[in-house]
């Protein structure tokens, strides 16, 4: 059952990977990476997907290059905040992206962190921090805070990967929805124009 759900999500993500111009199966392969590479590459993928979703939502593909320079998770003007403001991404996934960005920033701004171990990093957190991180990163896990903390501490990469699978699926599906709505609108205009010509 869970494998079918994962495969469904992966099928949407594969199509989205093609759209973004990255190798087929890139997202799927991330799970086999070491923790440092996993976080860095996952963050880059989500950042590209967020930029694509924004330009699609706005119908402004020319903004893509400019958007690439905007941070992903800045609370005021980041891409994640924009997706939330455009109502194409839930607040729980905006929070997920912000926590993922914290992990990514810790990883890239200190060379000692190239041997990042997610499990060790999370185990060092105090009780309140664990709760905060679990609520953000285990966004796809149903259950109470204790359930989320437990599973995040047991399998941090797996939980982040599954939450990212859900996030990327949401972005891919919302992108398709926006494009479908644009296509319907374009078709309505063409049909209205044709009808007007038939009347004259």
C-alpha atoms as a PDB file:
ATOM      1  CA  UNK A   1       0.000   0.000   0.000  1.00  0.00           C
ATOM      2  CA  UNK A   2       2.662   2.535   1.045  1.00  0.00           C
ATOM      3  CA  UNK A   3       4.837   1.497  -1.908  1.00  0.00           C
ATOM      4  CA  UNK A   4       1.986   2.306  -4.295  1.00  0.00           C
ATOM      5  CA  UNK A   5       1.633   5.768  -2.739  1.00  0.00           C
ATOM      6  CA  UNK A   6       5.388   6.347  -3.002  1.00  0.00           C
ATOM      7  CA  UNK A   7       5.404   5.185  -6.624  1.00  0.00           C
ATOM      8  CA  UNK A   8       2.480   7.495  -7.422  1.00  0.00           C
ATOM      9  CA  UNK A   9       4.382  10.448  -5.976  1.00  0.00           C
ATOM     10  CA  UNK A  10       7.583   9.449  -7.764  1.00  0.00           C
ATOM     11  CA  UNK A  11       5.778   9.302 -11.112  1.00  0.00           C
ATOM     12  CA  UNK A  12       4.714  12.950 -10.708  1.00  0.00           C
ATOM     13  CA  UNK A  13       8.205  13.923  -9.591  1.00  0.00           C
ATOM     14  CA  UNK A  14       9.849  12.186 -12.583  1.00  0.00           C
ATOM     15  CA  UNK A  15       7.730  14.278 -14.942  1.00  0.00           C
ATOM     16  CA  UNK A  16       8.646  17.369 -12.953  1.00  0.00           C
ATOM     17  CA  UNK A  17      12.352  16.441 -13.094  1.00  0.00           C
ATOM     18  CA  UNK A  18      12.071  16.397 -16.876  1.00  0.00           C
ATOM     19  CA  UNK A  19      10.401  19.801 -16.773  1.00  0.00           C
ATOM     20  CA  UNK A  20      13.247  21.178 -14.643  1.00  0.00           C
ATOM     21  CA  UNK A  21      15.872  19.671 -16.965  1.00  0.00           C
ATOM     22  CA  UNK A  22      17.434  17.350 -14.420  1.00  0.00           C
ATOM     23  CA  UNK A  23      18.249  13.663 -14.677  1.00  0.00           C
ATOM     24  CA  UNK A  24      15.385  11.208 -14.462  1.00  0.00           C
ATOM     25  CA  UNK A  25      15.365   9.602 -11.028  1.00  0.00           C
ATOM     26  CA  UNK A  26      17.399  12.386  -9.388  1.00  0.00           C
ATOM     27  CA  UNK A  27      15.019  12.718  -6.450  1.00  0.00           C
ATOM     28  CA  UNK A  28      14.781   8.976  -5.985  1.00  0.00           C
ATOM     29  CA  UNK A  29      18.588   8.648  -5.920  1.00  0.00           C
ATOM     30  CA  UNK A  30      18.969  11.217  -3.148  1.00  0.00           C
ATOM     31  CA  UNK A  31      18.123   8.663  -0.484  1.00  0.00           C
ATOM     32  CA  UNK A  32      21.317   6.744  -1.304  1.00  0.00           C
ATOM     33  CA  UNK A  33      23.504   9.825  -0.758  1.00  0.00           C
ATOM     34  CA  UNK A  34      25.415  10.544   2.449  1.00  0.00           C
ATOM     35  CA  UNK A  35      23.543  12.940   4.754  1.00  0.00           C
ATOM     36  CA  UNK A  36      25.506  16.033   3.688  1.00  0.00           C
ATOM     37  CA  UNK A  37      24.988  15.444  -0.054  1.00  0.00           C
ATOM     38  CA  UNK A  38      21.374  14.473   0.555  1.00  0.00           C
ATOM     39  CA  UNK A  39      20.564  17.789   2.254  1.00  0.00           C
ATOM     40  CA  UNK A  40      22.496  19.956  -0.234  1.00  0.00           C
ATOM     41  CA  UNK A  41      21.039  18.309  -3.344  1.00  0.00           C
ATOM     42  CA  UNK A  42      17.521  18.068  -1.935  1.00  0.00           C
ATOM     43  CA  UNK A  43      17.569  21.760  -1.073  1.00  0.00           C
ATOM     44  CA  UNK A  44      18.737  22.636  -4.600  1.00  0.00           C
ATOM     45  CA  UNK A  45      15.949  20.545  -6.127  1.00  0.00           C
ATOM     46  CA  UNK A  46      13.266  22.097  -3.941  1.00  0.00           C
ATOM     47  CA  UNK A  47      14.603  25.571  -4.701  1.00  0.00           C
ATOM     48  CA  UNK A  48      14.370  24.930  -8.466  1.00  0.00           C
ATOM     49  CA  UNK A  49      10.868  23.476  -8.095  1.00  0.00           C
ATOM     50  CA  UNK A  50       9.754  26.473  -6.016  1.00  0.00           C
ATOM     51  CA  UNK A  51      11.008  28.958  -8.619  1.00  0.00           C
ATOM     52  CA  UNK A  52       9.242  27.037 -11.380  1.00  0.00           C
ATOM     53  CA  UNK A  53       5.992  26.947  -9.398  1.00  0.00           C
ATOM     54  CA  UNK A  54       6.142  30.704  -8.774  1.00  0.00           C
ATOM     55  CA  UNK A  55       6.692  31.640 -12.424  1.00  0.00           C
ATOM     56  CA  UNK A  56       3.962  29.206 -13.476  1.00  0.00           C
ATOM     57  CA  UNK A  57       1.518  30.610 -10.894  1.00  0.00           C
ATOM     58  CA  UNK A  58       2.230  34.151 -12.025  1.00  0.00           C
ATOM     59  CA  UNK A  59       2.294  33.246 -15.713  1.00  0.00           C
ATOM     60  CA  UNK A  60       5.644  35.036 -16.007  1.00  0.00           C
ATOM     61  CA  UNK A  61       8.369  32.656 -17.258  1.00  0.00           C
ATOM     62  CA  UNK A  62      10.753  35.581 -17.803  1.00  0.00           C
ATOM     63  CA  UNK A  63      10.990  35.954 -14.003  1.00  0.00           C
ATOM     64  CA  UNK A  64      12.682  32.560 -13.596  1.00  0.00           C
ATOM     65  CA  UNK A  65      16.237  33.909 -13.860  1.00  0.00           C
ATOM     66  CA  UNK A  66      15.557  36.748 -11.405  1.00  0.00           C
ATOM     67  CA  UNK A  67      13.845  34.366  -8.989  1.00  0.00           C
ATOM     68  CA  UNK A  68      16.875  32.099  -8.977  1.00  0.00           C
ATOM     69  CA  UNK A  69      18.731  34.767  -6.961  1.00  0.00           C
ATOM     70  CA  UNK A  70      16.043  35.073  -4.286  1.00  0.00           C
ATOM     71  CA  UNK A  71      16.633  32.909  -1.179  1.00  0.00           C
ATOM     72  CA  UNK A  72      14.397  29.905  -0.744  1.00  0.00           C
ATOM     73  CA  UNK A  73      13.370  30.366   2.860  1.00  0.00           C
ATOM     74  CA  UNK A  74      13.637  34.016   3.832  1.00  0.00           C
ATOM     75  CA  UNK A  75      10.596  34.710   6.005  1.00  0.00           C
ATOM     76  CA  UNK A  76       9.780  37.996   4.278  1.00  0.00           C
ATOM     77  CA  UNK A  77      10.596  37.555   0.599  1.00  0.00           C
ATOM     78  CA  UNK A  78      11.804  33.975   0.089  1.00  0.00           C
ATOM     79  CA  UNK A  79      10.418  31.602  -2.505  1.00  0.00           C
ATOM     80  CA  UNK A  80       8.710  29.455   0.148  1.00  0.00           C
ATOM     81  CA  UNK A  81       6.919  32.526   1.529  1.00  0.00           C
ATOM     82  CA  UNK A  82       5.842  33.454  -1.995  1.00  0.00           C
ATOM     83  CA  UNK A  83       4.402  29.966  -2.544  1.00  0.00           C
ATOM     84  CA  UNK A  84       2.483  30.300   0.713  1.00  0.00           C
ATOM     85  CA  UNK A  85       1.204  33.749  -0.270  1.00  0.00           C
ATOM     86  CA  UNK A  86       0.112  32.411  -3.659  1.00  0.00           C
ATOM     87  CA  UNK A  87      -1.835  29.665  -1.831  1.00  0.00           C
ATOM     88  CA  UNK A  88      -0.044  26.913  -3.734  1.00  0.00           C
ATOM     89  CA  UNK A  89       1.846  25.559  -0.739  1.00  0.00           C
ATOM     90  CA  UNK A  90       0.518  24.871   2.747  1.00  0.00           C
ATOM     91  CA  UNK A  91       2.054  26.601   5.754  1.00  0.00           C
ATOM     92  CA  UNK A  92       3.323  23.266   7.108  1.00  0.00           C
ATOM     93  CA  UNK A  93       5.434  22.789   3.974  1.00  0.00           C
ATOM     94  CA  UNK A  94       6.674  26.384   4.135  1.00  0.00           C
ATOM     95  CA  UNK A  95       7.894  25.542   7.659  1.00  0.00           C
ATOM     96  CA  UNK A  96       9.421  22.291   6.381  1.00  0.00           C
ATOM     97  CA  UNK A  97      11.379  24.227   3.750  1.00  0.00           C
ATOM     98  CA  UNK A  98      12.637  26.697   6.361  1.00  0.00           C
ATOM     99  CA  UNK A  99      13.942  23.899   8.604  1.00  0.00           C
ATOM    100  CA  UNK A 100      15.508  22.138   5.625  1.00  0.00           C
ATOM    101  CA  UNK A 101      17.207  25.430   4.754  1.00  0.00           C
ATOM    102  CA  UNK A 102      18.586  25.651   8.292  1.00  0.00           C
ATOM    103  CA  UNK A 103      20.107  22.188   7.849  1.00  0.00           C
ATOM    104  CA  UNK A 104      21.476  23.150   4.447  1.00  0.00           C
ATOM    105  CA  UNK A 105      22.971  26.406   5.737  1.00  0.00           C
ATOM    106  CA  UNK A 106      24.658  24.618   8.635  1.00  0.00           C
ATOM    107  CA  UNK A 107      26.032  22.075   6.180  1.00  0.00           C
ATOM    108  CA  UNK A 108      27.460  24.487   3.601  1.00  0.00           C
ATOM    109  CA  UNK A 109      28.778  27.278   5.800  1.00  0.00           C
ATOM    110  CA  UNK A 110      31.101  25.123   7.882  1.00  0.00           C
ATOM    111  CA  UNK A 111      33.487  22.740   6.123  1.00  0.00           C
ATOM    112  CA  UNK A 112      33.541  20.543   9.238  1.00  0.00           C
ATOM    113  CA  UNK A 113      29.926  19.667   8.501  1.00  0.00           C
ATOM    114  CA  UNK A 114      30.760  17.697   5.343  1.00  0.00           C
ATOM    115  CA  UNK A 115      30.508  14.611   7.549  1.00  0.00           C
ATOM    116  CA  UNK A 116      26.980  15.596   8.622  1.00  0.00           C
ATOM    117  CA  UNK A 117      25.104  12.869  10.450  1.00  0.00           C
ATOM    118  CA  UNK A 118      21.428  13.757  10.728  1.00  0.00           C
ATOM    119  CA  UNK A 119      20.752  11.258  13.481  1.00  0.00           C
ATOM    120  CA  UNK A 120      23.578  12.604  15.675  1.00  0.00           C
ATOM    121  CA  UNK A 121      22.601  16.202  14.989  1.00  0.00           C
ATOM    122  CA  UNK A 122      18.997  15.614  16.041  1.00  0.00           C
ATOM    123  CA  UNK A 123      19.920  13.550  19.097  1.00  0.00           C
ATOM    124  CA  UNK A 124      21.932  16.512  20.431  1.00  0.00           C
ATOM    125  CA  UNK A 125      18.881  18.766  20.460  1.00  0.00           C
ATOM    126  CA  UNK A 126      17.072  19.509  23.701  1.00  0.00           C
ATOM    127  CA  UNK A 127      13.453  18.408  24.209  1.00  0.00           C
ATOM    128  CA  UNK A 128      11.896  21.642  22.922  1.00  0.00           C
ATOM    129  CA  UNK A 129      14.174  21.768  19.880  1.00  0.00           C
ATOM    130  CA  UNK A 130      13.392  18.130  19.036  1.00  0.00           C
ATOM    131  CA  UNK A 131       9.684  18.916  19.162  1.00  0.00           C
ATOM    132  CA  UNK A 132      10.120  21.935  16.870  1.00  0.00           C
ATOM    133  CA  UNK A 133      12.293  20.038  14.382  1.00  0.00           C
ATOM    134  CA  UNK A 134       9.998  17.004  14.418  1.00  0.00           C
ATOM    135  CA  UNK A 135       6.879  19.102  13.754  1.00  0.00           C
ATOM    136  CA  UNK A 136       8.645  20.764  10.817  1.00  0.00           C
ATOM    137  CA  UNK A 137      10.519  17.860   9.244  1.00  0.00           C
ATOM    138  CA  UNK A 138       8.050  15.041   9.929  1.00  0.00           C
ATOM    139  CA  UNK A 139       5.274  17.043   8.301  1.00  0.00           C
ATOM    140  CA  UNK A 140       4.089  13.966   6.375  1.00  0.00           C
ATOM    141  CA  UNK A 141       3.824  11.813   9.521  1.00  0.00           C
ATOM    142  CA  UNK A 142       0.429  11.414  11.118  1.00  0.00           C
ATOM    143  CA  UNK A 143       0.342  11.288  14.897  1.00  0.00           C
ATOM    144  CA  UNK A 144       1.185  13.350  17.930  1.00  0.00           C
ATOM    145  CA  UNK A 145       4.411  15.222  18.630  1.00  0.00           C
ATOM    146  CA  UNK A 146       5.948  12.258  20.464  1.00  0.00           C
ATOM    147  CA  UNK A 147       5.300   9.964  17.496  1.00  0.00           C
ATOM    148  CA  UNK A 148       6.939  12.466  15.175  1.00  0.00           C
ATOM    149  CA  UNK A 149       9.957  12.912  17.450  1.00  0.00           C
ATOM    150  CA  UNK A 150      10.426   9.159  17.797  1.00  0.00           C
ATOM    151  CA  UNK A 151      10.310   8.393  14.100  1.00  0.00           C
ATOM    152  CA  UNK A 152      12.449  11.409  13.163  1.00  0.00           C
ATOM    153  CA  UNK A 153      15.154  10.333  15.615  1.00  0.00           C
ATOM    154  CA  UNK A 154      15.016   6.752  14.321  1.00  0.00           C
ATOM    155  CA  UNK A 155      15.086   7.504  10.593  1.00  0.00           C
ATOM    156  CA  UNK A 156      15.790  11.191   9.961  1.00  0.00           C
ATOM    157  CA  UNK A 157      16.834  10.857   6.320  1.00  0.00           C
ATOM    158  CA  UNK A 158      13.857   8.631   5.546  1.00  0.00           C
ATOM    159  CA  UNK A 159      11.396  11.025   7.145  1.00  0.00           C
ATOM    160  CA  UNK A 160      12.898  14.056   5.400  1.00  0.00           C
ATOM    161  CA  UNK A 161      12.845  12.148   2.099  1.00  0.00           C
ATOM    162  CA  UNK A 162       9.179  11.127   2.538  1.00  0.00           C
ATOM    163  CA  UNK A 163       8.184  14.664   3.548  1.00  0.00           C
ATOM    164  CA  UNK A 164      10.062  15.963   0.501  1.00  0.00           C
ATOM    165  CA  UNK A 165       8.285  13.414  -1.674  1.00  0.00           C
ATOM    166  CA  UNK A 166       4.960  14.810  -0.442  1.00  0.00           C
ATOM    167  CA  UNK A 167       6.158  18.400  -0.921  1.00  0.00           C
ATOM    168  CA  UNK A 168       7.480  17.786  -4.437  1.00  0.00           C
ATOM    169  CA  UNK A 169       4.294  15.927  -5.373  1.00  0.00           C
ATOM    170  CA  UNK A 170       2.233  18.867  -4.108  1.00  0.00           C
ATOM    171  CA  UNK A 171       4.337  21.301  -6.171  1.00  0.00           C
ATOM    172  CA  UNK A 172       4.157  19.092  -9.287  1.00  0.00           C
ATOM    173  CA  UNK A 173       0.386  18.674  -9.023  1.00  0.00           C
ATOM    174  CA  UNK A 174      -0.213  22.360  -8.302  1.00  0.00           C
ATOM    175  CA  UNK A 175       1.910  23.261 -11.315  1.00  0.00           C
ATOM    176  CA  UNK A 176      -0.218  20.989 -13.495  1.00  0.00           C
ATOM    177  CA  UNK A 177      -3.383  22.491 -12.014  1.00  0.00           C
ATOM    178  CA  UNK A 178      -2.276  26.060 -12.735  1.00  0.00           C
ATOM    179  CA  UNK A 179      -1.315  25.131 -16.281  1.00  0.00           C
ATOM    180  CA  UNK A 180      -4.658  23.377 -16.789  1.00  0.00           C
ATOM    181  CA  UNK A 181      -6.533  26.431 -15.540  1.00  0.00           C
ATOM    182  CA  UNK A 182      -4.494  28.631 -17.897  1.00  0.00           C
ATOM    183  CA  UNK A 183      -5.264  26.286 -20.799  1.00  0.00           C
ATOM    184  CA  UNK A 184      -8.999  26.333 -20.004  1.00  0.00           C
ATOM    185  CA  UNK A 185      -8.940  30.135 -19.808  1.00  0.00           C
ATOM    186  CA  UNK A 186      -7.090  30.385 -23.134  1.00  0.00           C
ATOM    187  CA  UNK A 187      -9.561  27.982 -24.753  1.00  0.00           C
ATOM    188  CA  UNK A 188     -12.546  29.942 -23.398  1.00  0.00           C
ATOM    189  CA  UNK A 189     -11.144  33.149 -24.909  1.00  0.00           C
ATOM    190  CA  UNK A 190     -10.571  31.462 -28.261  1.00  0.00           C
ATOM    191  CA  UNK A 191     -14.072  29.999 -28.284  1.00  0.00           C
ATOM    192  CA  UNK A 192     -15.614  33.338 -27.305  1.00  0.00           C
ATOM    193  CA  UNK A 193     -13.621  35.044 -30.078  1.00  0.00           C
ATOM    194  CA  UNK A 194     -14.771  32.394 -32.595  1.00  0.00           C
ATOM    195  CA  UNK A 195     -18.369  32.860 -31.475  1.00  0.00           C
ATOM    196  CA  UNK A 196     -18.080  36.624 -31.924  1.00  0.00           C
ATOM    197  CA  UNK A 197     -16.741  36.128 -35.439  1.00  0.00           C
ATOM    198  CA  UNK A 198     -19.604  33.766 -36.285  1.00  0.00           C
ATOM    199  CA  UNK A 199     -22.104  36.447 -35.214  1.00  0.00           C
ATOM    200  CA  UNK A 200     -20.664  39.115 -37.476  1.00  0.00           C
END
